[in-house]
Amino acid sequence: MGLLTQTERQYYKGSNHGDYQFVSLDDIINQFTIVYVGEDKIISKAKRTDIAFHAQRAMQELSFDTFKSCKSQEVEISSSLTMILPQDYINYTKISWVDTAGIKHLLYPASKTSNPTNPWQNSDKDFEITAVGTITGQGDTMTLDDQYNNILVGMRVYGIGIRPGTLVKASELSGGATVLTLDTALDLTGIAAANVTVTSAEYTFISNDGSLINTPDGQVFKELAELKLDKAYIDFATAHTDIPVGYLVSHEYFPVGTVVTGITADPSGGDIGTRIYVSNPSTGTTAASQEITFTSPNSSSDTWSNYKSTTPSENSSDGYIDDTYWPMEGERYGLDSQYAQVNGSFYVDKQSGKIHFSSNVSGKTIVLDYISDGLGTDEEMQVHKFAEEAMYKWIAYGILSSRINTPEYIVNRFKKEKFAETRKAKLRLSNIKLEEITQVLRGKSKQIKH
């Protein structure tokens, strides 16, 4: 019985054009089970889950250097000079920007820069926040000597007059200074009398989980906020559109880790930005005139700031393609040829999942060609028929090599067959055409002009 199940009209009117060159991973598993597994066969029995596992592993490995699994994504780079990696990204093959003629201009990786973490350091270069503060009364209020933007709700404080590890319950600004409310309900103060005052003592603040405190790349302070019990939103009298989605909310009525999830208008009437939705409901009663701090969860290092703010040398008026330097033969000694280009540069920050670009790429359309493993979606889990036999040998070798009491000569046999079929599939999928090679060779004797 033939493999085509539709008429030519149905094919040309449909949307699955060219699908005959592929076979689905599910069909690979079913056909392997029928042909290779059973009585008097090389594999007497095998669970479908085992076959599926080795089939997916085979598809992943073959996708990296045998299949044509290279995908691409086109984005326009904003002033942030960053691009989020695609969801199924494994590694890039090339990154380029596109001109008005649709021609790609290759970007080169900047191997001598990065975006390291930037933990906060005090004046003594210790990884902690130190501040001078005054405690009055029972020690639940601490007034600091200055404004400290990176002291957030949920941090722990150590110093004179309080028990070690007392939590910061609330933070607000008053007269240019930060005023903290300490969580005496959880960590009682060490001040016995009601009116004892500790003046100008030094206190140390650290994060609740003991991790280093990163320097945020953005922070917003807002007053006149109205909170409602068990409601996951914050209302303002005026619109606030400068609070980005994803910013952390620092307030005593919200759990640590609460983030902004949406910015809309108050249903009772108002502009966009009068209602801010957050990820957790408020634990406090209705209270107007609350002060809330919104902090970016991301940290921007000085290395990255300097890299994106510097105009690359290749953008200067005396570039690499003018007549200023070319007559000076031998006078550009020490030039690193990998940087002798005007297209721009990039580096991949794997920790944050972003690609960072040099400043001369801002506003350009970037094309990212990258490798996936072929397992991202069900539609991707298909194998080209040139590599179908290689898949069978990969699965068979994977099952036999993982079983005890399998004769070594059988394992070695399928190892060799797997290698041979993979090589054959790679040659087939390389799509080498004799006429195209001939056309290239016709120009081999032409003089290259400099």
Protein backbone atom coordinates (compact mmCIF):
# COMPACT_ATOMS: atom_id res chain seq x y z
CA MET A 1 0.00 0.00 0.00
CA GLY A 2 1.31 3.42 -0.92
CA LEU A 3 2.25 6.02 1.68
CA LEU A 4 0.27 8.86 0.11
CA THR A 5 -3.20 9.12 1.63
CA GLN A 6 -4.46 12.27 -0.11
CA THR A 7 -5.03 13.43 -3.65
CA GLU A 8 -2.83 15.99 -5.37
CA ARG A 9 -5.60 18.57 -5.10
CA GLN A 10 -5.90 18.01 -1.36
CA TYR A 11 -2.13 18.40 -1.02
CA TYR A 12 -1.88 21.67 -2.95
CA LYS A 13 -4.94 23.12 -1.22
CA GLY A 14 -3.66 22.09 2.21
CA SER A 15 -0.96 23.58 4.42
CA ASN A 16 1.39 20.65 5.06
CA HIS A 17 3.53 21.18 2.00
CA GLY A 18 6.72 19.14 1.75
CA ASP A 19 5.85 16.87 4.68
CA TYR A 20 6.49 13.70 2.64
CA GLN A 21 10.23 14.13 3.18
CA PHE A 22 9.77 13.59 6.93
CA VAL A 23 8.60 10.76 9.16
CA SER A 24 7.25 11.47 12.63
CA LEU A 25 9.05 10.31 15.75
CA ASP A 26 5.95 8.38 16.76
CA ASP A 27 6.10 6.41 13.49
CA ILE A 28 9.81 5.74 14.09
CA ILE A 29 9.00 4.24 17.50
CA ASN A 30 6.10 2.14 16.15
CA GLN A 31 8.09 0.79 13.21
CA PHE A 32 11.11 0.01 15.39
CA THR A 33 8.86 -1.93 17.77
CA ILE A 34 7.43 -3.98 14.89
CA VAL A 35 10.71 -4.75 13.12
CA TYR A 36 13.34 -4.98 15.87
CA VAL A 37 11.42 -6.21 18.95
CA GLY A 38 9.85 -9.64 19.38
CA GLU A 39 10.51 -13.35 19.40
CA ASP A 40 13.46 -14.49 17.24
CA LYS A 41 14.56 -10.87 16.81
CA ILE A 42 17.66 -9.06 17.98
CA ILE A 43 15.72 -7.53 20.89
CA SER A 44 13.38 -10.07 22.49
CA LYS A 45 11.38 -7.52 24.47
CA ALA A 46 11.51 -3.82 25.20
CA LYS A 47 9.21 -1.35 26.89
CA ARG A 48 7.81 1.42 24.74
CA THR A 49 9.05 3.97 27.28
CA ASP A 50 12.62 2.69 26.81
CA ILE A 51 12.30 2.90 23.03
CA ALA A 52 10.84 6.41 23.28
CA PHE A 53 13.66 7.56 25.55
CA HIS A 54 16.41 6.33 23.22
CA ALA A 55 14.51 7.72 20.21
CA GLN A 56 14.38 11.18 21.76
CA ARG A 57 18.04 11.01 22.78
CA ALA A 58 18.94 9.96 19.23
CA MET A 59 16.96 12.87 17.83
CA GLN A 60 18.69 15.31 20.15
CA GLU A 61 22.18 14.10 19.29
CA LEU A 62 21.51 13.96 15.55
CA SER A 63 19.95 17.42 15.64
CA PHE A 64 23.18 19.02 16.79
CA ASP A 65 25.38 18.12 13.83
CA THR A 66 23.51 15.86 11.37
CA PHE A 67 19.96 17.12 10.90
CA LYS A 68 19.24 20.51 9.40
CA SER A 69 17.87 21.72 12.72
CA CYS A 70 19.03 25.31 12.43
CA LYS A 71 16.20 27.74 13.16
CA SER A 72 16.10 31.51 12.94
CA GLN A 73 14.41 34.44 14.63
CA GLU A 74 14.25 38.09 13.56
CA VAL A 75 13.93 40.92 16.10
CA GLU A 76 14.54 44.65 16.16
CA ILE A 77 17.02 45.71 18.82
CA SER A 78 15.80 48.46 21.13
CA SER A 79 17.88 50.93 23.13
CA SER A 80 18.34 48.27 25.83
CA LEU A 81 20.71 46.49 23.39
CA THR A 82 19.55 43.07 24.55
CA MET A 83 17.65 40.18 22.99
CA ILE A 84 15.98 37.34 24.89
CA LEU A 85 17.07 33.89 23.77
CA PRO A 86 14.34 31.84 22.01
CA GLN A 87 12.44 29.31 24.08
CA ASP A 88 14.06 26.26 22.40
CA TYR A 89 17.55 27.78 22.07
CA ILE A 90 20.54 25.42 22.43
CA ASN A 91 23.38 27.31 20.72
CA TYR A 92 23.78 29.93 18.01
CA THR A 93 25.27 29.30 14.57
CA LYS A 94 25.50 32.95 13.52
CA ILE A 95 24.09 36.35 14.44
CA SER A 96 23.78 39.14 11.88
CA TRP A 97 21.96 42.38 11.18
CA VAL A 98 19.99 42.97 7.98
CA ASP A 99 20.28 46.05 5.78
CA THR A 100 17.58 47.62 3.60
CA ALA A 101 18.48 45.26 0.73
CA GLY A 102 17.85 42.22 2.92
CA ILE A 103 21.53 41.29 3.05
CA LYS A 104 22.94 39.87 6.29
CA HIS A 105 26.00 41.47 7.90
CA LEU A 106 27.71 39.07 10.27
CA LEU A 107 28.26 40.12 13.89
CA TYR A 108 31.25 38.78 15.79
CA PRO A 109 31.36 37.62 19.41
CA ALA A 110 33.09 39.89 21.92
CA SER A 111 35.03 37.31 23.91
CA LYS A 112 36.68 39.82 26.26
CA THR A 113 33.58 41.15 28.05
CA SER A 114 30.60 39.83 29.99
CA ASN A 115 27.79 40.80 32.36
CA PRO A 116 28.94 39.55 35.78
CA THR A 117 26.86 39.80 38.92
CA ASN A 118 27.26 43.08 40.76
CA PRO A 119 26.80 42.52 44.51
CA TRP A 120 26.46 45.54 46.74
CA GLN A 121 29.60 46.57 48.66
CA ASN A 122 29.82 49.06 51.50
CA SER A 123 32.62 51.57 52.05
CA ASP A 124 34.81 48.80 53.49
CA LYS A 125 34.12 46.69 50.36
CA ASP A 126 32.23 44.08 52.41
CA PHE A 127 29.22 42.39 50.78
CA GLU A 128 26.65 43.89 53.15
CA ILE A 129 24.78 47.13 53.73
CA THR A 130 25.89 49.18 56.71
CA ALA A 131 23.96 52.21 57.93
CA VAL A 132 23.87 54.46 60.99
CA GLY A 133 20.49 54.43 62.72
CA THR A 134 18.59 55.53 65.79
CA ILE A 135 16.10 53.36 67.70
CA THR A 136 13.45 54.80 70.04
CA GLY A 137 10.77 53.28 72.24
CA GLN A 138 10.52 49.50 72.19
CA GLY A 139 12.78 49.29 69.17
CA ASP A 140 10.22 48.70 66.44
CA THR A 141 11.18 51.91 64.59
CA MET A 142 14.63 52.70 63.24
CA THR A 143 15.52 56.03 61.60
CA LEU A 144 18.61 55.89 59.39
CA ASP A 145 20.99 58.76 58.76
CA ASP A 146 20.36 58.88 55.01
CA GLN A 147 18.25 57.46 52.20
CA TYR A 148 19.07 53.78 51.55
CA ASN A 149 17.23 52.57 48.48
CA ASN A 150 18.50 49.00 48.59
CA ILE A 151 17.24 48.21 52.10
CA LEU A 152 14.06 46.30 51.30
CA VAL A 153 11.31 44.59 53.25
CA GLY A 154 12.33 41.09 54.30
CA MET A 155 16.00 41.85 54.99
CA ARG A 156 17.56 41.03 58.35
CA VAL A 157 19.34 43.58 60.53
CA TYR A 158 22.07 43.13 63.14
CA GLY A 159 23.30 45.67 65.69
CA ILE A 160 22.87 47.27 69.11
CA GLY A 161 19.47 47.16 70.83
CA ILE A 162 17.81 44.45 68.73
CA ARG A 163 17.96 40.69 68.60
CA PRO A 164 20.18 39.30 65.81
CA GLY A 165 18.32 38.66 62.59
CA THR A 166 15.37 40.98 63.24
CA LEU A 167 13.32 41.35 60.05
CA VAL A 168 12.67 44.63 58.27
CA LYS A 169 8.88 44.84 58.20
CA ALA A 170 8.37 48.16 56.39
CA SER A 171 10.43 50.93 54.81
CA GLU A 172 9.52 54.52 53.93
CA LEU A 173 11.13 57.89 53.32
CA SER A 174 10.76 60.74 55.75
CA GLY A 175 12.64 64.02 55.46
CA GLY A 176 15.21 62.54 53.10
CA ALA A 177 15.98 59.63 55.43
CA THR A 178 14.88 55.99 55.42
CA VAL A 179 12.62 54.99 58.32
CA LEU A 180 12.29 51.25 59.00
CA THR A 181 9.68 49.32 60.95
CA LEU A 182 11.15 46.18 62.53
CA ASP A 183 9.17 42.97 62.95
CA THR A 184 9.14 42.79 66.75
CA ALA A 185 6.36 40.20 66.62
CA LEU A 186 8.87 37.65 65.29
CA ASP A 187 12.14 38.95 66.75
CA LEU A 188 11.62 40.86 69.99
CA THR A 189 13.95 43.74 70.68
CA GLY A 190 16.65 43.61 73.35
CA ILE A 191 15.60 46.93 74.85
CA ALA A 192 13.91 46.33 78.19
CA ALA A 193 12.62 49.78 79.11
CA ALA A 194 9.87 51.55 77.18
CA ASN A 195 11.74 54.76 76.45
CA VAL A 196 15.30 53.65 75.91
CA THR A 197 16.96 55.28 72.89
CA VAL A 198 19.92 54.00 70.90
CA THR A 199 21.44 56.89 68.97
CA SER A 200 23.76 56.82 65.94
CA ALA A 201 24.61 53.12 66.15
CA GLU A 202 25.89 51.18 63.15
CA TYR A 203 23.66 48.41 61.81
CA THR A 204 24.30 45.71 59.24
CA PHE A 205 21.66 44.55 56.75
CA ILE A 206 21.77 41.28 54.82
CA SER A 207 19.30 39.37 52.67
CA ASN A 208 16.92 36.97 54.39
CA ASP A 209 18.29 33.87 52.63
CA GLY A 210 21.94 34.77 53.13
CA SER A 211 22.64 35.49 49.45
CA LEU A 212 24.59 38.54 48.32
CA ILE A 213 22.60 41.73 47.74
CA ASN A 214 22.75 42.68 44.08
CA THR A 215 22.66 46.27 42.91
CA PRO A 216 19.29 46.68 41.09
CA ASP A 217 19.30 48.32 37.66
CA GLY A 218 16.10 50.24 38.44
CA GLN A 219 13.90 51.35 41.33
CA VAL A 220 10.64 53.33 41.66
CA PHE A 221 9.14 54.90 44.81
CA LYS A 222 5.40 55.60 44.94
CA GLU A 223 3.20 57.24 47.56
CA LEU A 224 -0.57 57.54 48.05
CA ALA A 225 -1.15 53.85 47.34
CA GLU A 226 -4.42 52.23 48.45
CA LEU A 227 -4.28 48.55 49.46
CA LYS A 228 -7.25 46.26 50.10
CA LEU A 229 -7.34 43.05 52.11
CA ASP A 230 -6.97 39.87 50.00
CA LYS A 231 -6.78 41.88 46.77
CA ALA A 232 -3.89 41.33 44.37
CA TYR A 233 -3.75 44.90 43.14
CA ILE A 234 -2.73 48.40 44.22
CA ASP A 235 -4.76 51.50 43.41
CA PHE A 236 -3.33 54.98 42.91
CA ALA A 237 -5.05 58.34 42.70
CA THR A 238 -2.95 59.27 39.67
CA ALA A 239 -1.62 57.17 36.82
CA HIS A 240 1.79 55.50 37.14
CA THR A 241 3.05 53.95 33.90
CA ASP A 242 6.71 53.99 34.90
CA ILE A 243 6.45 50.77 36.92
CA PRO A 244 7.62 47.90 34.69
CA VAL A 245 5.99 44.48 34.84
CA GLY A 246 8.22 42.08 36.76
CA TYR A 247 9.45 44.61 39.34
CA LEU A 248 9.53 43.37 42.96
CA VAL A 249 7.08 44.90 45.45
CA SER A 250 8.61 45.91 48.79
CA HIS A 251 5.92 46.54 51.42
CA GLU A 252 4.90 45.03 54.75
CA TYR A 253 1.47 43.97 53.41
CA PHE A 254 2.90 41.85 50.59
CA PRO A 255 4.98 38.65 50.91
CA VAL A 256 8.64 38.87 49.93
CA GLY A 257 8.96 38.00 46.25
CA THR A 258 5.71 39.65 45.12
CA VAL A 259 6.08 41.06 41.60
CA VAL A 260 4.10 43.38 39.33
CA THR A 261 2.03 41.36 36.84
CA GLY A 262 -0.06 44.02 35.06
CA ILE A 263 -0.83 47.72 34.71
CA THR A 264 -4.41 48.77 33.96
CA ALA A 265 -6.96 51.45 34.78
CA ASP A 266 -9.10 51.52 37.89
CA PRO A 267 -12.52 50.10 36.84
CA SER A 268 -14.26 52.85 38.77
CA GLY A 269 -12.64 55.41 36.49
CA GLY A 270 -9.13 56.51 35.74
CA ASP A 271 -6.25 56.38 33.31
CA ILE A 272 -3.98 53.47 32.53
CA GLY A 273 -1.64 53.09 35.47
CA THR A 274 -4.10 53.82 38.27
CA ARG A 275 -4.29 50.09 39.11
CA ILE A 276 -1.22 47.87 39.44
CA TYR A 277 -1.80 44.12 39.60
CA VAL A 278 0.65 42.01 41.61
CA SER A 279 1.31 38.29 42.05
CA ASN A 280 0.14 37.99 45.69
CA PRO A 281 -2.87 39.46 47.50
CA SER A 282 -2.45 42.09 50.20
CA THR A 283 -2.47 40.98 53.83
CA GLY A 284 -3.41 44.42 55.18
CA THR A 285 -6.72 46.23 55.49
CA THR A 286 -7.70 49.18 53.33
CA ALA A 287 -5.11 51.86 53.89
CA ALA A 288 -4.53 55.00 51.86
CA SER A 289 -1.32 57.02 51.58
CA GLN A 290 0.91 53.95 51.72
CA GLU A 291 4.44 54.24 50.38
CA ILE A 292 5.57 51.33 48.21
CA THR A 293 8.96 50.58 46.68
CA PHE A 294 9.19 48.79 43.32
CA THR A 295 12.63 47.33 42.58
CA SER A 296 14.02 45.65 39.49
CA PRO A 297 14.95 41.98 40.05
CA ASN A 298 17.82 42.36 37.59
CA SER A 299 21.30 43.63 38.32
CA SER A 300 23.32 45.67 35.87
CA SER A 301 27.10 45.37 36.12
CA ASP A 302 29.57 48.16 35.44
CA THR A 303 31.14 45.94 32.77
CA TRP A 304 27.90 45.74 30.79
CA SER A 305 27.13 49.44 31.33
CA ASN A 306 30.52 50.44 29.95
CA TYR A 307 30.24 48.05 27.01
CA LYS A 308 26.86 49.30 25.82
CA SER A 309 27.62 52.99 26.40
CA THR A 310 30.92 53.02 24.50
CA THR A 311 30.96 53.85 20.80
CA PRO A 312 32.97 51.07 19.13
CA SER A 313 36.21 52.16 17.49
CA GLU A 314 35.01 50.81 14.16
CA ASN A 315 32.39 53.58 14.11
CA SER A 316 34.99 56.34 13.99
CA SER A 317 35.43 58.44 10.89
CA ASP A 318 38.75 56.75 10.10
CA GLY A 319 37.30 53.27 9.68
CA TYR A 320 38.64 50.16 8.10
CA ILE A 321 37.34 50.83 4.61
CA ASP A 322 38.54 54.37 3.89
CA ASP A 323 41.78 55.60 2.33
CA THR A 324 43.36 56.93 5.51
CA TYR A 325 45.06 53.75 6.70
CA TRP A 326 45.40 51.67 3.56
CA PRO A 327 48.40 53.62 2.17
CA MET A 328 50.14 53.14 5.53
CA GLU A 329 51.39 49.65 4.78
CA GLY A 330 52.71 47.93 7.87
CA GLU A 331 51.70 50.75 10.23
CA ARG A 332 48.69 48.94 11.70
CA TYR A 333 50.86 46.45 13.51
CA GLY A 334 49.06 44.60 16.29
CA LEU A 335 45.56 44.85 14.79
CA ASP A 336 43.39 41.91 15.84
CA SER A 337 41.64 40.93 12.62
CA GLN A 338 38.57 39.54 14.40
CA TYR A 339 37.71 43.10 15.49
CA ALA A 340 38.57 44.73 12.13
CA GLN A 341 34.96 45.01 11.02
CA VAL A 342 32.18 47.57 11.22
CA ASN A 343 29.16 45.31 11.74
CA GLY A 344 29.21 45.28 15.54
CA SER A 345 29.70 42.67 18.23
CA PHE A 346 27.73 40.68 20.81
CA TYR A 347 28.07 38.25 23.67
CA VAL A 348 25.64 35.69 25.10
CA ASP A 349 24.80 36.02 28.79
CA LYS A 350 23.68 32.46 29.55
CA GLN A 351 22.84 33.23 33.16
CA SER A 352 20.21 35.84 32.28
CA GLY A 353 19.24 34.17 28.98
CA LYS A 354 19.95 37.25 26.87
CA ILE A 355 22.21 38.36 24.04
CA HIS A 356 23.96 41.71 24.59
CA PHE A 357 24.94 43.88 21.62
CA SER A 358 27.32 46.78 21.07
CA SER A 359 25.86 50.28 20.74
CA ASN A 360 26.15 50.46 16.93
CA VAL A 361 23.52 47.70 16.61
CA SER A 362 20.76 49.76 18.27
CA GLY A 363 17.66 50.04 16.09
CA LYS A 364 18.85 47.44 13.59
CA THR A 365 17.01 44.25 12.64
CA ILE A 366 18.88 41.26 14.01
CA VAL A 367 18.61 37.69 12.68
CA LEU A 368 19.59 34.92 15.10
CA ASP A 369 20.33 31.56 13.49
CA TYR A 370 20.40 28.95 16.23
CA ILE A 371 20.32 25.22 16.91
CA SER A 372 17.47 23.42 18.65
CA ASP A 373 17.26 19.75 19.62
CA GLY A 374 14.13 18.97 17.61
CA LEU A 375 12.05 18.16 20.70
CA GLY A 376 10.53 21.58 21.34
CA THR A 377 7.02 20.83 20.05
CA ASP A 378 5.18 17.83 18.63
CA GLU A 379 5.42 19.33 15.13
CA GLU A 380 9.21 19.46 15.40
CA MET A 381 9.55 15.81 16.42
CA GLN A 382 10.02 14.46 12.91
CA VAL A 383 12.95 12.91 11.10
CA HIS A 384 14.07 13.39 7.52
CA LYS A 385 13.85 10.13 5.58
CA PHE A 386 17.54 10.37 4.71
CA ALA A 387 18.24 9.77 8.43
CA GLU A 388 15.50 7.27 9.21
CA GLU A 389 17.83 4.25 9.22
CA ALA A 390 20.30 6.12 11.45
CA MET A 391 17.51 6.59 13.99
CA TYR A 392 16.81 2.84 14.07
CA LYS A 393 20.49 2.04 14.64
CA TRP A 394 20.76 4.65 17.39
CA ILE A 395 17.74 3.22 19.22
CA ALA A 396 18.92 -0.38 18.84
CA TYR A 397 22.42 0.45 20.05
CA GLY A 398 21.05 2.45 22.99
CA ILE A 399 18.80 -0.40 24.16
CA LEU A 400 21.36 -3.19 23.66
CA SER A 401 24.24 -1.29 25.27
CA SER A 402 22.18 -0.57 28.41
CA ARG A 403 21.18 -4.21 29.00
CA ILE A 404 23.04 -6.72 31.06
CA ASN A 405 24.19 -10.04 29.52
CA THR A 406 24.10 -8.66 25.97
CA PRO A 407 27.02 -10.20 24.04
CA GLU A 408 29.73 -7.64 23.46
CA TYR A 409 30.05 -8.48 19.78
CA ILE A 410 26.39 -7.57 19.23
CA VAL A 411 26.85 -4.24 21.03
CA ASN A 412 29.96 -3.47 18.95
CA ARG A 413 28.15 -4.46 15.77
CA PHE A 414 25.35 -1.99 16.35
CA LYS A 415 27.82 0.66 17.48
CA LYS A 416 29.57 0.40 14.12
CA GLU A 417 26.27 0.35 12.24
CA LYS A 418 25.11 3.43 14.14
CA PHE A 419 28.31 5.26 13.23
CA ALA A 420 28.07 4.23 9.57
CA GLU A 421 24.41 5.19 9.21
CA THR A 422 25.00 8.54 10.92
CA ARG A 423 27.83 9.31 8.53
CA LYS A 424 25.67 8.29 5.56
CA ALA A 425 22.80 10.48 6.78
CA LYS A 426 25.13 13.46 7.21
CA LEU A 427 26.40 13.07 3.64
CA ARG A 428 22.88 12.81 2.27
CA LEU A 429 21.60 15.78 4.23
CA SER A 430 24.58 17.95 3.24
CA ASN A 431 22.73 18.37 -0.07
CA ILE A 432 25.86 18.59 -2.21
CA LYS A 433 25.03 19.19 -5.88
CA LEU A 434 27.61 18.47 -8.56
CA GLU A 435 26.53 21.40 -10.75
CA GLU A 436 26.86 23.84 -7.87
CA ILE A 437 30.39 22.60 -7.11
CA THR A 438 31.24 22.88 -10.79
CA GLN A 439 30.04 26.48 -10.87
CA VAL A 440 32.26 27.35 -7.90
CA LEU A 441 35.30 25.68 -9.45
CA ARG A 442 34.84 27.62 -12.68
CA GLY A 443 35.93 30.75 -10.85
CA LYS A 444 38.95 29.24 -9.11
CA SER A 445 41.45 30.83 -11.51
CA LYS A 446 40.03 34.34 -11.35
CA GLN A 447 42.27 36.98 -9.91
CA ILE A 448 41.13 38.31 -6.54
CA LYS A 449 41.44 42.08 -6.47
CA HIS A 450 42.46 43.84 -3.27
